[in-house]
Full PDB file with SEQRES, HELIX, SHEET, SSBOND, CRYST1, ORIGX, SCALE, CONECT and MASTER records, all heavy atoms in Angstrom:
SEQRES   1 A   31  LEU VAL LEU ALA ALA TRP ASP ARG ARG ALA ARG GLN CYS          
SEQRES   2 A   31  HIS ASN GLY GLN GLY ILE THR ARG SER ASP ILE VAL ARG          
SEQRES   3 A   31  GLU VAL ALA GLY ILE                                          
HELIX    1 AA1 VAL A    2  ASP A    7  1                                   6    
HELIX    2 AA2 GLN A   17  THR A   20  1                                   4    
HELIX    3 AA3 SER A   22  ALA A   29  1                                   8    
CRYST1    1.000    1.000    1.000  90.00  90.00  90.00 P 1           1          
ORIGX1      1.000000  0.000000  0.000000        0.00000                         
ORIGX2      0.000000  1.000000  0.000000        0.00000                         
ORIGX3      0.000000  0.000000  1.000000        0.00000                         
SCALE1      1.000000  0.000000  0.000000        0.00000                         
SCALE2      0.000000  1.000000  0.000000        0.00000                         
SCALE3      0.000000  0.000000  1.000000        0.00000                         
ATOM      1  N   LEU A   1     -57.819  55.139 -11.724  1.00  0.00           N  
ATOM      2  CA  LEU A   1     -58.409  56.445 -11.460  1.00  0.00           C  
ATOM      3  C   LEU A   1     -57.933  57.069 -10.219  1.00  0.00           C  
ATOM      4  O   LEU A   1     -57.654  58.262 -10.076  1.00  0.00           O  
ATOM      5  CB  LEU A   1     -59.972  56.281 -11.419  1.00  0.00           C  
ATOM      6  CG  LEU A   1     -60.634  55.948 -12.712  1.00  0.00           C  
ATOM      7  CD1 LEU A   1     -62.151  55.597 -12.416  1.00  0.00           C  
ATOM      8  CD2 LEU A   1     -60.628  57.106 -13.611  1.00  0.00           C  
ATOM      9  N   VAL A   2     -57.817  56.234  -9.167  1.00  0.00           N  
ATOM     10  CA  VAL A   2     -57.295  56.791  -7.840  1.00  0.00           C  
ATOM     11  C   VAL A   2     -55.766  57.270  -8.001  1.00  0.00           C  
ATOM     12  O   VAL A   2     -55.453  58.227  -7.549  1.00  0.00           O  
ATOM     13  CB  VAL A   2     -57.481  55.626  -6.729  1.00  0.00           C  
ATOM     14  CG1 VAL A   2     -56.651  55.936  -5.562  1.00  0.00           C  
ATOM     15  CG2 VAL A   2     -58.987  55.473  -6.353  1.00  0.00           C  
ATOM     16  N   LEU A   3     -55.004  56.470  -8.678  1.00  0.00           N  
ATOM     17  CA  LEU A   3     -53.621  56.795  -8.806  1.00  0.00           C  
ATOM     18  C   LEU A   3     -53.486  58.159  -9.682  1.00  0.00           C  
ATOM     19  O   LEU A   3     -52.688  58.943  -9.309  1.00  0.00           O  
ATOM     20  CB  LEU A   3     -52.756  55.727  -9.471  1.00  0.00           C  
ATOM     21  CG  LEU A   3     -52.464  54.610  -8.585  1.00  0.00           C  
ATOM     22  CD1 LEU A   3     -51.745  53.535  -9.429  1.00  0.00           C  
ATOM     23  CD2 LEU A   3     -51.761  54.928  -7.345  1.00  0.00           C  
ATOM     24  N   ALA A   4     -54.269  58.159 -10.682  1.00  0.00           N  
ATOM     25  CA  ALA A   4     -54.291  59.511 -11.503  1.00  0.00           C  
ATOM     26  C   ALA A   4     -54.701  60.696 -10.590  1.00  0.00           C  
ATOM     27  O   ALA A   4     -54.173  61.701 -10.772  1.00  0.00           O  
ATOM     28  CB  ALA A   4     -55.137  59.332 -12.783  1.00  0.00           C  
ATOM     29  N   ALA A   5     -55.690  60.565  -9.859  1.00  0.00           N  
ATOM     30  CA  ALA A   5     -56.244  61.605  -9.042  1.00  0.00           C  
ATOM     31  C   ALA A   5     -55.140  61.943  -7.984  1.00  0.00           C  
ATOM     32  O   ALA A   5     -54.870  63.158  -7.765  1.00  0.00           O  
ATOM     33  CB  ALA A   5     -57.503  61.172  -8.327  1.00  0.00           C  
ATOM     34  N   TRP A   6     -54.522  60.973  -7.333  1.00  0.00           N  
ATOM     35  CA  TRP A   6     -53.479  61.135  -6.383  1.00  0.00           C  
ATOM     36  C   TRP A   6     -52.292  61.929  -7.134  1.00  0.00           C  
ATOM     37  O   TRP A   6     -51.773  62.933  -6.478  1.00  0.00           O  
ATOM     38  CB  TRP A   6     -53.022  59.834  -5.793  1.00  0.00           C  
ATOM     39  CG  TRP A   6     -52.035  59.906  -4.779  1.00  0.00           C  
ATOM     40  CD1 TRP A   6     -50.663  60.033  -4.903  1.00  0.00           C  
ATOM     41  CD2 TRP A   6     -52.439  60.078  -3.413  1.00  0.00           C  
ATOM     42  NE1 TRP A   6     -50.115  60.075  -3.523  1.00  0.00           N  
ATOM     43  CE2 TRP A   6     -51.098  60.168  -2.675  1.00  0.00           C  
ATOM     44  CE3 TRP A   6     -53.516  60.121  -2.645  1.00  0.00           C  
ATOM     45  CZ2 TRP A   6     -51.081  60.287  -1.305  1.00  0.00           C  
ATOM     46  CZ3 TRP A   6     -53.513  60.291  -1.286  1.00  0.00           C  
ATOM     47  CH2 TRP A   6     -52.269  60.354  -0.691  1.00  0.00           C  
ATOM     48  N   ASP A   7     -51.931  61.626  -8.289  1.00  0.00           N  
ATOM     49  CA  ASP A   7     -50.902  62.306  -8.935  1.00  0.00           C  
ATOM     50  C   ASP A   7     -51.249  63.755  -9.120  1.00  0.00           C  
ATOM     51  O   ASP A   7     -50.299  64.651  -9.247  1.00  0.00           O  
ATOM     52  CB  ASP A   7     -50.668  61.650 -10.315  1.00  0.00           C  
ATOM     53  CG  ASP A   7     -49.318  62.164 -11.035  1.00  0.00           C  
ATOM     54  OD1 ASP A   7     -48.349  62.163 -10.359  1.00  0.00           O  
ATOM     55  OD2 ASP A   7     -49.503  62.629 -12.218  1.00  0.00           O  
ATOM     56  N   ARG A   8     -52.484  64.158  -9.274  1.00  0.00           N  
ATOM     57  CA  ARG A   8     -52.926  65.548  -9.430  1.00  0.00           C  
ATOM     58  C   ARG A   8     -53.332  66.122  -7.967  1.00  0.00           C  
ATOM     59  O   ARG A   8     -54.019  67.131  -7.995  1.00  0.00           O  
ATOM     60  CB  ARG A   8     -54.104  65.605 -10.326  1.00  0.00           C  
ATOM     61  CG  ARG A   8     -53.605  65.279 -11.777  1.00  0.00           C  
ATOM     62  CD  ARG A   8     -54.786  64.878 -12.687  1.00  0.00           C  
ATOM     63  NE  ARG A   8     -54.291  64.675 -13.979  1.00  0.00           N  
ATOM     64  CZ  ARG A   8     -53.613  63.523 -14.449  1.00  0.00           C  
ATOM     65  NH1 ARG A   8     -53.333  62.583 -13.510  1.00  0.00           N  
ATOM     66  NH2 ARG A   8     -53.294  63.372 -15.680  1.00  0.00           N  
ATOM     67  N   ARG A   9     -52.783  65.424  -6.963  1.00  0.00           N  
ATOM     68  CA  ARG A   9     -52.983  65.965  -5.562  1.00  0.00           C  
ATOM     69  C   ARG A   9     -54.406  65.840  -5.039  1.00  0.00           C  
ATOM     70  O   ARG A   9     -54.771  66.435  -4.012  1.00  0.00           O  
ATOM     71  CB  ARG A   9     -52.418  67.305  -5.333  1.00  0.00           C  
ATOM     72  CG  ARG A   9     -50.925  67.410  -5.498  1.00  0.00           C  
ATOM     73  CD  ARG A   9     -50.391  68.660  -5.160  1.00  0.00           C  
ATOM     74  NE  ARG A   9     -48.930  68.859  -4.975  1.00  0.00           N  
ATOM     75  CZ  ARG A   9     -48.027  68.425  -5.845  1.00  0.00           C  
ATOM     76  NH1 ARG A   9     -48.295  67.855  -6.971  1.00  0.00           N  
ATOM     77  NH2 ARG A   9     -46.736  68.634  -5.534  1.00  0.00           N  
ATOM     78  N   ALA A  10     -55.353  65.107  -5.728  1.00  0.00           N  
ATOM     79  CA  ALA A  10     -56.755  64.938  -5.252  1.00  0.00           C  
ATOM     80  C   ALA A  10     -56.608  63.756  -4.299  1.00  0.00           C  
ATOM     81  O   ALA A  10     -55.650  62.919  -4.306  1.00  0.00           O  
ATOM     82  CB  ALA A  10     -57.564  64.706  -6.292  1.00  0.00           C  
ATOM     83  N   ARG A  11     -57.523  63.730  -3.319  1.00  0.00           N  
ATOM     84  CA  ARG A  11     -57.617  62.644  -2.361  1.00  0.00           C  
ATOM     85  C   ARG A  11     -58.898  61.903  -2.497  1.00  0.00           C  
ATOM     86  O   ARG A  11     -59.896  62.430  -2.983  1.00  0.00           O  
ATOM     87  CB  ARG A  11     -57.395  63.181  -1.003  1.00  0.00           C  
ATOM     88  CG  ARG A  11     -56.051  63.754  -0.769  1.00  0.00           C  
ATOM     89  CD  ARG A  11     -54.921  62.781  -1.031  1.00  0.00           C  
ATOM     90  NE  ARG A  11     -53.640  63.506  -0.906  1.00  0.00           N  
ATOM     91  CZ  ARG A  11     -52.842  63.733  -2.007  1.00  0.00           C  
ATOM     92  NH1 ARG A  11     -53.235  63.576  -3.204  1.00  0.00           N  
ATOM     93  NH2 ARG A  11     -51.647  64.247  -1.741  1.00  0.00           N  
ATOM     94  N   GLN A  12     -58.975  60.681  -2.047  1.00  0.00           N  
ATOM     95  CA  GLN A  12     -60.199  59.882  -2.307  1.00  0.00           C  
ATOM     96  C   GLN A  12     -60.396  58.920  -1.130  1.00  0.00           C  
ATOM     97  O   GLN A  12     -59.480  58.556  -0.363  1.00  0.00           O  
ATOM     98  CB  GLN A  12     -60.150  59.214  -3.635  1.00  0.00           C  
ATOM     99  CG  GLN A  12     -58.876  58.289  -3.732  1.00  0.00           C  
ATOM    100  CD  GLN A  12     -57.704  58.995  -4.167  1.00  0.00           C  
ATOM    101  OE1 GLN A  12     -57.661  60.020  -4.918  1.00  0.00           O  
ATOM    102  NE2 GLN A  12     -56.554  58.638  -3.550  1.00  0.00           N  
ATOM    103  N   CYS A  13     -61.575  58.446  -1.097  1.00  0.00           N  
ATOM    104  CA  CYS A  13     -61.951  57.320  -0.140  1.00  0.00           C  
ATOM    105  C   CYS A  13     -62.899  56.379  -0.806  1.00  0.00           C  
ATOM    106  O   CYS A  13     -63.985  56.705  -1.334  1.00  0.00           O  
ATOM    107  CB  CYS A  13     -62.657  58.045   1.094  1.00  0.00           C  
ATOM    108  SG  CYS A  13     -63.116  56.799   2.337  1.00  0.00           S  
ATOM    109  N   HIS A  14     -62.441  55.124  -0.911  1.00  0.00           N  
ATOM    110  CA  HIS A  14     -63.377  54.111  -1.451  1.00  0.00           C  
ATOM    111  C   HIS A  14     -64.480  53.860  -0.506  1.00  0.00           C  
ATOM    112  O   HIS A  14     -64.387  53.877   0.792  1.00  0.00           O  
ATOM    113  CB  HIS A  14     -62.720  52.687  -1.644  1.00  0.00           C  
ATOM    114  CG  HIS A  14     -61.506  52.967  -2.500  1.00  0.00           C  
ATOM    115  ND1 HIS A  14     -61.602  52.711  -3.901  1.00  0.00           N  
ATOM    116  CD2 HIS A  14     -60.168  53.363  -2.379  1.00  0.00           C  
ATOM    117  CE1 HIS A  14     -60.467  52.965  -4.561  1.00  0.00           C  
ATOM    118  NE2 HIS A  14     -59.540  53.322  -3.562  1.00  0.00           N  
ATOM    119  N   ASN A  15     -65.671  53.636  -0.932  1.00  0.00           N  
ATOM    120  CA  ASN A  15     -66.828  53.781  -0.185  1.00  0.00           C  
ATOM    121  C   ASN A  15     -67.902  52.619  -0.639  1.00  0.00           C  
ATOM    122  O   ASN A  15     -68.322  52.686  -1.718  1.00  0.00           O  
ATOM    123  CB  ASN A  15     -67.459  55.056  -0.307  1.00  0.00           C  
ATOM    124  CG  ASN A  15     -68.573  55.380   0.683  1.00  0.00           C  
ATOM    125  OD1 ASN A  15     -69.090  54.459   1.217  1.00  0.00           O  
ATOM    126  ND2 ASN A  15     -68.831  56.606   0.859  1.00  0.00           N  
ATOM    127  N   GLY A  16     -68.219  51.722   0.287  1.00  0.00           N  
ATOM    128  CA  GLY A  16     -69.047  50.692  -0.008  1.00  0.00           C  
ATOM    129  C   GLY A  16     -70.601  50.950   0.260  1.00  0.00           C  
ATOM    130  O   GLY A  16     -71.421  50.156  -0.053  1.00  0.00           O  
ATOM    131  N   GLN A  17     -70.809  52.145   0.802  1.00  0.00           N  
ATOM    132  CA  GLN A  17     -72.261  52.407   0.988  1.00  0.00           C  
ATOM    133  C   GLN A  17     -73.057  52.566  -0.201  1.00  0.00           C  
ATOM    134  O   GLN A  17     -74.251  52.238  -0.219  1.00  0.00           O  
ATOM    135  CB  GLN A  17     -72.433  53.774   1.824  1.00  0.00           C  
ATOM    136  CG  GLN A  17     -72.224  53.571   3.354  1.00  0.00           C  
ATOM    137  CD  GLN A  17     -70.781  53.782   3.808  1.00  0.00           C  
ATOM    138  OE1 GLN A  17     -69.849  53.619   3.010  1.00  0.00           O  
ATOM    139  NE2 GLN A  17     -70.623  53.974   4.976  1.00  0.00           N  
ATOM    140  N   GLY A  18     -72.443  52.736  -1.318  1.00  0.00           N  
ATOM    141  CA  GLY A  18     -73.241  52.791  -2.519  1.00  0.00           C  
ATOM    142  C   GLY A  18     -73.748  51.382  -2.886  1.00  0.00           C  
ATOM    143  O   GLY A  18     -74.762  51.281  -3.668  1.00  0.00           O  
ATOM    144  N   ILE A  19     -73.107  50.354  -2.372  1.00  0.00           N  
ATOM    145  CA  ILE A  19     -73.582  49.051  -2.561  1.00  0.00           C  
ATOM    146  C   ILE A  19     -74.744  48.702  -1.685  1.00  0.00           C  
ATOM    147  O   ILE A  19     -75.832  48.151  -1.965  1.00  0.00           O  
ATOM    148  CB  ILE A  19     -72.514  47.990  -2.414  1.00  0.00           C  
ATOM    149  CG1 ILE A  19     -71.325  48.248  -3.417  1.00  0.00           C  
ATOM    150  CG2 ILE A  19     -72.995  46.598  -2.563  1.00  0.00           C  
ATOM    151  CD1 ILE A  19     -70.143  47.508  -3.170  1.00  0.00           C  
ATOM    152  N   THR A  20     -74.622  49.041  -0.429  1.00  0.00           N  
ATOM    153  CA  THR A  20     -75.656  48.740   0.577  1.00  0.00           C  
ATOM    154  C   THR A  20     -77.011  49.554   0.296  1.00  0.00           C  
ATOM    155  O   THR A  20     -78.025  49.038   0.682  1.00  0.00           O  
ATOM    156  CB  THR A  20     -75.131  49.060   2.047  1.00  0.00           C  
ATOM    157  OG1 THR A  20     -74.853  50.449   2.120  1.00  0.00           O  
ATOM    158  CG2 THR A  20     -74.032  48.185   2.354  1.00  0.00           C  
ATOM    159  N   ARG A  21     -76.884  50.706  -0.217  1.00  0.00           N  
ATOM    160  CA  ARG A  21     -78.084  51.527  -0.552  1.00  0.00           C  
ATOM    161  C   ARG A  21     -78.164  51.828  -2.013  1.00  0.00           C  
ATOM    162  O   ARG A  21     -78.203  52.963  -2.400  1.00  0.00           O  
ATOM    163  CB  ARG A  21     -78.154  52.765   0.309  1.00  0.00           C  
ATOM    164  CG  ARG A  21     -78.400  52.549   1.722  1.00  0.00           C  
ATOM    165  CD  ARG A  21     -79.640  51.641   2.012  1.00  0.00           C  
ATOM    166  NE  ARG A  21     -80.862  52.050   1.332  1.00  0.00           N  
ATOM    167  CZ  ARG A  21     -81.946  52.614   1.873  1.00  0.00           C  
ATOM    168  NH1 ARG A  21     -81.958  53.040   3.020  1.00  0.00           N  
ATOM    169  NH2 ARG A  21     -82.884  52.905   1.054  1.00  0.00           N  
ATOM    170  N   SER A  22     -77.895  50.778  -2.836  1.00  0.00           N  
ATOM    171  CA  SER A  22     -77.964  51.020  -4.315  1.00  0.00           C  
ATOM    172  C   SER A  22     -79.223  51.619  -4.804  1.00  0.00           C  
ATOM    173  O   SER A  22     -79.136  52.332  -5.840  1.00  0.00           O  
ATOM    174  CB  SER A  22     -77.667  49.737  -5.056  1.00  0.00           C  
ATOM    175  OG  SER A  22     -78.571  48.753  -4.776  1.00  0.00           O  
ATOM    176  N   ASP A  23     -80.393  51.431  -4.101  1.00  0.00           N  
ATOM    177  CA  ASP A  23     -81.580  52.019  -4.613  1.00  0.00           C  
ATOM    178  C   ASP A  23     -81.483  53.622  -4.622  1.00  0.00           C  
ATOM    179  O   ASP A  23     -81.927  54.244  -5.610  1.00  0.00           O  
ATOM    180  CB  ASP A  23     -82.773  51.540  -3.787  1.00  0.00           C  
ATOM    181  CG  ASP A  23     -82.561  51.799  -2.277  1.00  0.00           C  
ATOM    182  OD1 ASP A  23     -81.470  51.825  -1.813  1.00  0.00           O  
ATOM    183  OD2 ASP A  23     -83.618  52.036  -1.604  1.00  0.00           O  
ATOM    184  N   ILE A  24     -80.906  54.127  -3.566  1.00  0.00           N  
ATOM    185  CA  ILE A  24     -80.787  55.582  -3.515  1.00  0.00           C  
ATOM    186  C   ILE A  24     -79.755  56.076  -4.606  1.00  0.00           C  
ATOM    187  O   ILE A  24     -79.974  57.011  -5.227  1.00  0.00           O  
ATOM    188  CB  ILE A  24     -80.423  55.985  -2.106  1.00  0.00           C  
ATOM    189  CG1 ILE A  24     -81.545  55.745  -1.152  1.00  0.00           C  
ATOM    190  CG2 ILE A  24     -80.066  57.450  -2.105  1.00  0.00           C  
ATOM    191  CD1 ILE A  24     -81.198  55.838   0.269  1.00  0.00           C  
ATOM    192  N   VAL A  25     -78.620  55.299  -4.683  1.00  0.00           N  
ATOM    193  CA  VAL A  25     -77.551  55.765  -5.629  1.00  0.00           C  
ATOM    194  C   VAL A  25     -78.145  55.693  -6.986  1.00  0.00           C  
ATOM    195  O   VAL A  25     -77.889  56.566  -7.780  1.00  0.00           O  
ATOM    196  CB  VAL A  25     -76.415  54.861  -5.425  1.00  0.00           C  
ATOM    197  CG1 VAL A  25     -75.303  55.251  -6.523  1.00  0.00           C  
ATOM    198  CG2 VAL A  25     -75.720  55.072  -4.032  1.00  0.00           C  
ATOM    199  N   ARG A  26     -78.786  54.649  -7.333  1.00  0.00           N  
ATOM    200  CA  ARG A  26     -79.386  54.546  -8.615  1.00  0.00           C  
ATOM    201  C   ARG A  26     -80.356  55.744  -8.946  1.00  0.00           C  
ATOM    202  O   ARG A  26     -80.286  56.255 -10.105  1.00  0.00           O  
ATOM    203  CB  ARG A  26     -80.304  53.209  -8.768  1.00  0.00           C  
ATOM    204  CG  ARG A  26     -79.408  52.018  -8.966  1.00  0.00           C  
ATOM    205  CD  ARG A  26     -80.461  50.767  -9.115  1.00  0.00           C  
ATOM    206  NE  ARG A  26     -79.620  49.567  -8.953  1.00  0.00           N  
ATOM    207  CZ  ARG A  26     -78.762  49.289  -9.779  1.00  0.00           C  
ATOM    208  NH1 ARG A  26     -78.551  49.717 -10.902  1.00  0.00           N  
ATOM    209  NH2 ARG A  26     -78.086  48.069  -9.560  1.00  0.00           N  
ATOM    210  N   GLU A  27     -81.181  56.093  -8.023  1.00  0.00           N  
ATOM    211  CA  GLU A  27     -82.081  57.119  -8.297  1.00  0.00           C  
ATOM    212  C   GLU A  27     -81.446  58.469  -8.422  1.00  0.00           C  
ATOM    213  O   GLU A  27     -81.718  59.142  -9.355  1.00  0.00           O  
ATOM    214  CB  GLU A  27     -83.149  57.132  -7.077  1.00  0.00           C  
ATOM    215  CG  GLU A  27     -84.170  58.320  -7.318  1.00  0.00           C  
ATOM    216  CD  GLU A  27     -85.129  58.413  -6.083  1.00  0.00           C  
ATOM    217  OE1 GLU A  27     -85.191  57.441  -5.245  1.00  0.00           O  
ATOM    218  OE2 GLU A  27     -85.745  59.499  -5.882  1.00  0.00           O  
ATOM    219  N   VAL A  28     -80.514  58.819  -7.558  1.00  0.00           N  
ATOM    220  CA  VAL A  28     -79.771  60.048  -7.643  1.00  0.00           C  
ATOM    221  C   VAL A  28     -78.953  60.152  -8.892  1.00  0.00           C  
ATOM    222  O   VAL A  28     -78.894  61.209  -9.464  1.00  0.00           O  
ATOM    223  CB  VAL A  28     -78.974  60.290  -6.316  1.00  0.00           C  
ATOM    224  CG1 VAL A  28     -78.031  61.536  -6.468  1.00  0.00           C  
ATOM    225  CG2 VAL A  28     -79.917  60.415  -5.165  1.00  0.00           C  
ATOM    226  N   ALA A  29     -78.206  59.085  -9.239  1.00  0.00           N  
ATOM    227  CA  ALA A  29     -77.304  59.106 -10.354  1.00  0.00           C  
ATOM    228  C   ALA A  29     -77.917  58.597 -11.658  1.00  0.00           C  
ATOM    229  O   ALA A  29     -77.231  58.744 -12.710  1.00  0.00           O  
ATOM    230  CB  ALA A  29     -76.125  58.170  -9.977  1.00  0.00           C  
ATOM    231  N   GLY A  30     -79.159  58.198 -11.584  1.00  0.00           N  
ATOM    232  CA  GLY A  30     -79.734  57.799 -12.832  1.00  0.00           C  
ATOM    233  C   GLY A  30     -79.172  56.422 -13.390  1.00  0.00           C  
ATOM    234  O   GLY A  30     -79.004  56.400 -14.628  1.00  0.00           O  
ATOM    235  N   ILE A  31     -78.775  55.600 -12.537  1.00  0.00           N  
ATOM    236  CA  ILE A  31     -78.202  54.330 -12.997  1.00  0.00           C  
ATOM    237  C   ILE A  31     -79.256  53.308 -13.327  1.00  0.00           C  
ATOM    238  O   ILE A  31     -80.028  53.038 -12.420  1.00  0.00           O  
ATOM    239  CB  ILE A  31     -77.250  53.784 -12.015  1.00  0.00           C  
ATOM    240  CG1 ILE A  31     -76.085  54.867 -11.740  1.00  0.00           C  
ATOM    241  CG2 ILE A  31     -76.676  52.487 -12.372  1.00  0.00           C  
ATOM    242  CD1 ILE A  31     -75.183  54.538 -10.541  1.00  0.00           C  
TER     243      ILE A  31                                                      
MASTER        0    0    0    3    0    0    0    6  242    1    0    3          
END                                                                             
């Protein structure tokens, strides 16, 4: 996914905060 986005000139940052506050991520994203 990151390589495909990079090929389309999008940029990205991997982010571990979704793991440390998975309760908030779950609620917001409906996981």
